[in-house]
Amino acid sequence: MDNDNAGDAFSAAHSLKGSSGMLGMTRLHRVLSNMTECLRTGDIAGAEKFRDAAEREYKAVVRMIGS
């Protein structure tokens, strides 16, 4: 998203969404689902609205795994 490339951002978010869903990381999966739907249509500004939440949930998962 930093490079205004919705296609690459969609691919990355979609991959992480799938992994988080398979592993039962429901909060991260939910945020990424919203983000990918924006990116699917090229709406980077809409996806940015979910960025802070996605980063927060990702960090929470990393902390949980590290414990």
PDB file of N, CA and C in Angstrom:
ATOM      1  N   MET A   1       0.825  -1.181   0.000  1.00  0.00           N
ATOM      2  CA  MET A   1       0.000   0.000   0.000  1.00  0.00           C
ATOM      3  C   MET A   1       0.873   1.250   0.000  1.00  0.00           C
ATOM      4  N   ASP A   2       2.054   1.133   0.610  1.00  0.00           N
ATOM      5  CA  ASP A   2       2.952   2.287   0.649  1.00  0.00           C
ATOM      6  C   ASP A   2       3.363   2.731  -0.746  1.00  0.00           C
ATOM      7  N   ASN A   3       3.385   1.814  -1.703  1.00  0.00           N
ATOM      8  CA  ASN A   3       3.785   2.121  -3.075  1.00  0.00           C
ATOM      9  C   ASN A   3       2.591   2.324  -4.002  1.00  0.00           C
ATOM     10  N   ASP A   4       1.409   2.470  -3.423  1.00  0.00           N
ATOM     11  CA  ASP A   4       0.176   2.634  -4.204  1.00  0.00           C
ATOM     12  C   ASP A   4      -0.037   1.496  -5.199  1.00  0.00           C
ATOM     13  N   ASN A   5       0.334   0.287  -4.806  1.00  0.00           N
ATOM     14  CA  ASN A   5       0.163  -0.877  -5.657  1.00  0.00           C
ATOM     15  C   ASN A   5      -0.878  -1.786  -5.017  1.00  0.00           C
ATOM     16  N   ALA A   6      -2.128  -1.591  -5.404  1.00  0.00           N
ATOM     17  CA  ALA A   6      -3.227  -2.346  -4.809  1.00  0.00           C
ATOM     18  C   ALA A   6      -3.103  -3.836  -5.105  1.00  0.00           C
ATOM     19  N   GLY A   7      -2.587  -4.189  -6.274  1.00  0.00           N
ATOM     20  CA  GLY A   7      -2.457  -5.602  -6.632  1.00  0.00           C
ATOM     21  C   GLY A   7      -1.512  -6.346  -5.720  1.00  0.00           C
ATOM     22  N   ASP A   8      -0.330  -5.782  -5.501  1.00  0.00           N
ATOM     23  CA  ASP A   8       0.638  -6.426  -4.602  1.00  0.00           C
ATOM     24  C   ASP A   8       0.131  -6.424  -3.164  1.00  0.00           C
ATOM     25  N   ALA A   9      -0.490  -5.326  -2.752  1.00  0.00           N
ATOM     26  CA  ALA A   9      -1.028  -5.244  -1.397  1.00  0.00           C
ATOM     27  C   ALA A   9      -2.136  -6.270  -1.209  1.00  0.00           C
ATOM     28  N   PHE A  10      -2.980  -6.433  -2.225  1.00  0.00           N
ATOM     29  CA  PHE A  10      -4.041  -7.434  -2.154  1.00  0.00           C
ATOM     30  C   PHE A  10      -3.445  -8.829  -1.996  1.00  0.00           C
ATOM     31  N   SER A  11      -2.444  -9.157  -2.795  1.00  0.00           N
ATOM     32  CA  SER A  11      -1.824 -10.488  -2.724  1.00  0.00           C
ATOM     33  C   SER A  11      -1.263 -10.764  -1.330  1.00  0.00           C
ATOM     34  N   ALA A  12      -0.562  -9.791  -0.783  1.00  0.00           N
ATOM     35  CA  ALA A  12       0.031  -9.972   0.543  1.00  0.00           C
ATOM     36  C   ALA A  12      -1.044 -10.113   1.621  1.00  0.00           C
ATOM     37  N   ALA A  13      -2.023  -9.220   1.605  1.00  0.00           N
ATOM     38  CA  ALA A  13      -3.079  -9.264   2.614  1.00  0.00           C
ATOM     39  C   ALA A  13      -3.915 -10.535   2.478  1.00  0.00           C
ATOM     40  N   HIS A  14      -4.174 -10.941   1.252  1.00  0.00           N
ATOM     41  CA  HIS A  14      -4.981 -12.146   1.007  1.00  0.00           C
ATOM     42  C   HIS A  14      -4.256 -13.393   1.507  1.00  0.00           C
ATOM     43  N   SER A  15      -2.954 -13.472   1.291  1.00  0.00           N
ATOM     44  CA  SER A  15      -2.168 -14.614   1.780  1.00  0.00           C
ATOM     45  C   SER A  15      -2.180 -14.670   3.305  1.00  0.00           C
ATOM     46  N   LEU A  16      -1.954 -13.527   3.936  1.00  0.00           N
ATOM     47  CA  LEU A  16      -1.954 -13.483   5.392  1.00  0.00           C
ATOM     48  C   LEU A  16      -3.348 -13.775   5.941  1.00  0.00           C
ATOM     49  N   LYS A  17      -4.362 -13.313   5.248  1.00  0.00           N
ATOM     50  CA  LYS A  17      -5.742 -13.601   5.660  1.00  0.00           C
ATOM     51  C   LYS A  17      -5.991 -15.109   5.656  1.00  0.00           C
ATOM     52  N   GLY A  18      -5.561 -15.782   4.597  1.00  0.00           N
ATOM     53  CA  GLY A  18      -5.757 -17.225   4.509  1.00  0.00           C
ATOM     54  C   GLY A  18      -5.033 -17.977   5.608  1.00  0.00           C
ATOM     55  N   SER A  19      -3.793 -17.599   5.854  1.00  0.00           N
ATOM     56  CA  SER A  19      -3.010 -18.253   6.909  1.00  0.00           C
ATOM     57  C   SER A  19      -3.628 -18.023   8.278  1.00  0.00           C
ATOM     58  N   SER A  20      -4.033 -16.796   8.534  1.00  0.00           N
ATOM     59  CA  SER A  20      -4.606 -16.497   9.845  1.00  0.00           C
ATOM     60  C   SER A  20      -5.935 -17.226  10.036  1.00  0.00           C
ATOM     61  N   GLY A  21      -6.687 -17.375   8.977  1.00  0.00           N
ATOM     62  CA  GLY A  21      -7.946 -18.110   9.072  1.00  0.00           C
ATOM     63  C   GLY A  21      -7.721 -19.582   9.360  1.00  0.00           C
ATOM     64  N   MET A  22      -6.755 -20.181   8.669  1.00  0.00           N
ATOM     65  CA  MET A  22      -6.452 -21.605   8.881  1.00  0.00           C
ATOM     66  C   MET A  22      -5.953 -21.879  10.294  1.00  0.00           C
ATOM     67  N   LEU A  23      -5.279 -20.907  10.881  1.00  0.00           N
ATOM     68  CA  LEU A  23      -4.707 -21.090  12.214  1.00  0.00           C
ATOM     69  C   LEU A  23      -5.630 -20.608  13.333  1.00  0.00           C
ATOM     70  N   GLY A  24      -6.821 -20.172  12.984  1.00  0.00           N
ATOM     71  CA  GLY A  24      -7.800 -19.768  13.988  1.00  0.00           C
ATOM     72  C   GLY A  24      -7.535 -18.416  14.625  1.00  0.00           C
ATOM     73  N   MET A  25      -6.804 -17.566  13.945  1.00  0.00           N
ATOM     74  CA  MET A  25      -6.527 -16.218  14.448  1.00  0.00           C
ATOM     75  C   MET A  25      -7.649 -15.304  13.977  1.00  0.00           C
ATOM     76  N   THR A  26      -8.788 -15.432  14.618  1.00  0.00           N
ATOM     77  CA  THR A  26     -10.029 -14.845  14.105  1.00  0.00           C
ATOM     78  C   THR A  26     -10.012 -13.323  14.047  1.00  0.00           C
ATOM     79  N   ARG A  27      -9.422 -12.672  15.018  1.00  0.00           N
ATOM     80  CA  ARG A  27      -9.431 -11.208  14.998  1.00  0.00           C
ATOM     81  C   ARG A  27      -8.580 -10.668  13.862  1.00  0.00           C
ATOM     82  N   LEU A  28      -7.400 -11.259  13.665  1.00  0.00           N
ATOM     83  CA  LEU A  28      -6.547 -10.850  12.553  1.00  0.00           C
ATOM     84  C   LEU A  28      -7.227 -11.169  11.232  1.00  0.00           C
ATOM     85  N   HIS A  29      -7.824 -12.330  11.138  1.00  0.00           N
ATOM     86  CA  HIS A  29      -8.518 -12.748   9.918  1.00  0.00           C
ATOM     87  C   HIS A  29      -9.651 -11.780   9.567  1.00  0.00           C
ATOM     88  N   ARG A  30     -10.407 -11.365  10.554  1.00  0.00           N
ATOM     89  CA  ARG A  30     -11.538 -10.452  10.321  1.00  0.00           C
ATOM     90  C   ARG A  30     -11.066  -9.111   9.765  1.00  0.00           C
ATOM     91  N   VAL A  31     -10.014  -8.559  10.364  1.00  0.00           N
ATOM     92  CA  VAL A  31      -9.485  -7.271   9.900  1.00  0.00           C
ATOM     93  C   VAL A  31      -8.944  -7.404   8.479  1.00  0.00           C
ATOM     94  N   LEU A  32      -8.207  -8.470   8.226  1.00  0.00           N
ATOM     95  CA  LEU A  32      -7.637  -8.673   6.895  1.00  0.00           C
ATOM     96  C   LEU A  32      -8.715  -8.941   5.848  1.00  0.00           C
ATOM     97  N   SER A  33      -9.809  -9.543   6.245  1.00  0.00           N
ATOM     98  CA  SER A  33     -10.929  -9.740   5.312  1.00  0.00           C
ATOM     99  C   SER A  33     -11.466  -8.397   4.834  1.00  0.00           C
ATOM    100  N   ASN A  34     -11.630  -7.477   5.766  1.00  0.00           N
ATOM    101  CA  ASN A  34     -12.096  -6.133   5.398  1.00  0.00           C
ATOM    102  C   ASN A  34     -11.079  -5.430   4.498  1.00  0.00           C
ATOM    103  N   MET A  35      -9.807  -5.570   4.839  1.00  0.00           N
ATOM    104  CA  MET A  35      -8.757  -4.930   4.055  1.00  0.00           C
ATOM    105  C   MET A  35      -8.702  -5.501   2.640  1.00  0.00           C
ATOM    106  N   THR A  36      -8.769  -6.819   2.513  1.00  0.00           N
ATOM    107  CA  THR A  36      -8.671  -7.424   1.184  1.00  0.00           C
ATOM    108  C   THR A  36      -9.858  -7.057   0.310  1.00  0.00           C
ATOM    109  N   GLU A  37     -11.026  -6.898   0.892  1.00  0.00           N
ATOM    110  CA  GLU A  37     -12.183  -6.510   0.076  1.00  0.00           C
ATOM    111  C   GLU A  37     -11.986  -5.117  -0.519  1.00  0.00           C
ATOM    112  N   CYS A  38     -11.386  -4.222   0.235  1.00  0.00           N
ATOM    113  CA  CYS A  38     -11.069  -2.900  -0.316  1.00  0.00           C
ATOM    114  C   CYS A  38     -10.033  -3.022  -1.426  1.00  0.00           C
ATOM    115  N   LEU A  39      -8.987  -3.770  -1.156  1.00  0.00           N
ATOM    116  CA  LEU A  39      -7.902  -3.891  -2.121  1.00  0.00           C
ATOM    117  C   LEU A  39      -8.322  -4.627  -3.382  1.00  0.00           C
ATOM    118  N   ARG A  40      -9.270  -5.541  -3.247  1.00  0.00           N
ATOM    119  CA  ARG A  40      -9.770  -6.290  -4.409  1.00  0.00           C
ATOM    120  C   ARG A  40     -10.279  -5.331  -5.491  1.00  0.00           C
ATOM    121  N   THR A  41     -10.839  -4.203  -5.054  1.00  0.00           N
ATOM    122  CA  THR A  41     -11.378  -3.217  -5.996  1.00  0.00           C
ATOM    123  C   THR A  41     -10.416  -2.051  -6.234  1.00  0.00           C
ATOM    124  N   GLY A  42      -9.194  -2.160  -5.672  1.00  0.00           N
ATOM    125  CA  GLY A  42      -8.206  -1.109  -5.870  1.00  0.00           C
ATOM    126  C   GLY A  42      -8.332   0.064  -4.914  1.00  0.00           C
ATOM    127  N   ASP A  43      -9.148  -0.083  -3.870  1.00  0.00           N
ATOM    128  CA  ASP A  43      -9.396   1.007  -2.927  1.00  0.00           C
ATOM    129  C   ASP A  43      -8.337   1.026  -1.824  1.00  0.00           C
ATOM    130  N   ILE A  44      -7.200   1.614  -2.125  1.00  0.00           N
ATOM    131  CA  ILE A  44      -6.113   1.672  -1.152  1.00  0.00           C
ATOM    132  C   ILE A  44      -6.500   2.547   0.036  1.00  0.00           C
ATOM    133  N   ALA A  45      -7.173   3.654  -0.219  1.00  0.00           N
ATOM    134  CA  ALA A  45      -7.588   4.542   0.876  1.00  0.00           C
ATOM    135  C   ALA A  45      -8.517   3.810   1.841  1.00  0.00           C
ATOM    136  N   GLY A  46      -9.420   3.016   1.319  1.00  0.00           N
ATOM    137  CA  GLY A  46     -10.314   2.231   2.168  1.00  0.00           C
ATOM    138  C   GLY A  46      -9.552   1.194   2.972  1.00  0.00           C
ATOM    139  N   ALA A  47      -8.574   0.556   2.341  1.00  0.00           N
ATOM    140  CA  ALA A  47      -7.773  -0.461   3.025  1.00  0.00           C
ATOM    141  C   ALA A  47      -6.940   0.155   4.135  1.00  0.00           C
ATOM    142  N   GLU A  48      -6.478   1.382   3.919  1.00  0.00           N
ATOM    143  CA  GLU A  48      -5.668   2.072   4.927  1.00  0.00           C
ATOM    144  C   GLU A  48      -6.422   2.224   6.243  1.00  0.00           C
ATOM    145  N   LYS A  49      -7.736   2.293   6.182  1.00  0.00           N
ATOM    146  CA  LYS A  49      -8.543   2.430   7.403  1.00  0.00           C
ATOM    147  C   LYS A  49      -8.391   1.223   8.319  1.00  0.00           C
ATOM    148  N   PHE A  50      -7.971   0.092   7.763  1.00  0.00           N
ATOM    149  CA  PHE A  50      -7.822  -1.136   8.545  1.00  0.00           C
ATOM    150  C   PHE A  50      -6.369  -1.422   8.918  1.00  0.00           C
ATOM    151  N   ARG A  51      -5.456  -0.583   8.453  1.00  0.00           N
ATOM    152  CA  ARG A  51      -4.029  -0.845   8.636  1.00  0.00           C
ATOM    153  C   ARG A  51      -3.619  -0.898  10.099  1.00  0.00           C
ATOM    154  N   ASP A  52      -4.024   0.086  10.889  1.00  0.00           N
ATOM    155  CA  ASP A  52      -3.632   0.100  12.304  1.00  0.00           C
ATOM    156  C   ASP A  52      -4.144  -1.135  13.031  1.00  0.00           C
ATOM    157  N   ALA A  53      -5.391  -1.492  12.776  1.00  0.00           N
ATOM    158  CA  ALA A  53      -5.967  -2.676  13.418  1.00  0.00           C
ATOM    159  C   ALA A  53      -5.247  -3.945  12.972  1.00  0.00           C
ATOM    160  N   ALA A  54      -4.907  -4.026  11.692  1.00  0.00           N
ATOM    161  CA  ALA A  54      -4.197  -5.206  11.182  1.00  0.00           C
ATOM    162  C   ALA A  54      -2.823  -5.317  11.839  1.00  0.00           C
ATOM    163  N   GLU A  55      -2.113  -4.215  11.946  1.00  0.00           N
ATOM    164  CA  GLU A  55      -0.800  -4.235  12.582  1.00  0.00           C
ATOM    165  C   GLU A  55      -0.911  -4.602  14.056  1.00  0.00           C
ATOM    166  N   ARG A  56      -1.913  -4.066  14.733  1.00  0.00           N
ATOM    167  CA  ARG A  56      -2.121  -4.365  16.153  1.00  0.00           C
ATOM    168  C   ARG A  56      -2.415  -5.851  16.361  1.00  0.00           C
ATOM    169  N   GLU A  57      -3.302  -6.409  15.540  1.00  0.00           N
ATOM    170  CA  GLU A  57      -3.660  -7.825  15.676  1.00  0.00           C
ATOM    171  C   GLU A  57      -2.500  -8.725  15.287  1.00  0.00           C
ATOM    172  N   TYR A  58      -1.735  -8.333  14.281  1.00  0.00           N
ATOM    173  CA  TYR A  58      -0.561  -9.100  13.876  1.00  0.00           C
ATOM    174  C   TYR A  58       0.450  -9.158  15.023  1.00  0.00           C
ATOM    175  N   LYS A  59       0.712  -8.021  15.646  1.00  0.00           N
ATOM    176  CA  LYS A  59       1.650  -7.976  16.766  1.00  0.00           C
ATOM    177  C   LYS A  59       1.152  -8.817  17.931  1.00  0.00           C
ATOM    178  N   ALA A  60      -0.154  -8.816  18.163  1.00  0.00           N
ATOM    179  CA  ALA A  60      -0.721  -9.638  19.238  1.00  0.00           C
ATOM    180  C   ALA A  60      -0.493 -11.122  18.954  1.00  0.00           C
ATOM    181  N   VAL A  61      -0.648 -11.521  17.695  1.00  0.00           N
ATOM    182  CA  VAL A  61      -0.420 -12.919  17.320  1.00  0.00           C
ATOM    183  C   VAL A  61       1.049 -13.281  17.507  1.00  0.00           C
ATOM    184  N   VAL A  62       1.944 -12.407  17.087  1.00  0.00           N
ATOM    185  CA  VAL A  62       3.379 -12.665  17.237  1.00  0.00           C
ATOM    186  C   VAL A  62       3.730 -12.816  18.714  1.00  0.00           C
ATOM    187  N   ARG A  63       3.166 -11.957  19.565  1.00  0.00           N
ATOM    188  CA  ARG A  63       3.419 -12.064  21.010  1.00  0.00           C
ATOM    189  C   ARG A  63       2.898 -13.389  21.548  1.00  0.00           C
ATOM    190  N   MET A  64       1.711 -13.799  21.100  1.00  0.00           N
ATOM    191  CA  MET A  64       1.104 -15.041  21.571  1.00  0.00           C
ATOM    192  C   MET A  64       1.968 -16.241  21.168  1.00  0.00           C
ATOM    193  N   ILE A  65       2.469 -16.221  19.945  1.00  0.00           N
ATOM    194  CA  ILE A  65       3.299 -17.327  19.472  1.00  0.00           C
ATOM    195  C   ILE A  65       4.614 -17.380  20.239  1.00  0.00           C
ATOM    196  N   GLY A  66       5.143 -16.211  20.557  1.00  0.00           N
ATOM    197  CA  GLY A  66       6.408 -16.142  21.257  1.00  0.00           C
ATOM    198  C   GLY A  66       6.349 -16.543  22.731  1.00  0.00           C
ATOM    199  N   SER A  67       5.152 -16.620  23.266  1.00  0.00           N
ATOM    200  CA  SER A  67       5.000 -16.951  24.698  1.00  0.00           C
ATOM    201  C   SER A  67       5.178 -18.424  24.976  1.00  0.00           C
TER     202      SER A  67
END
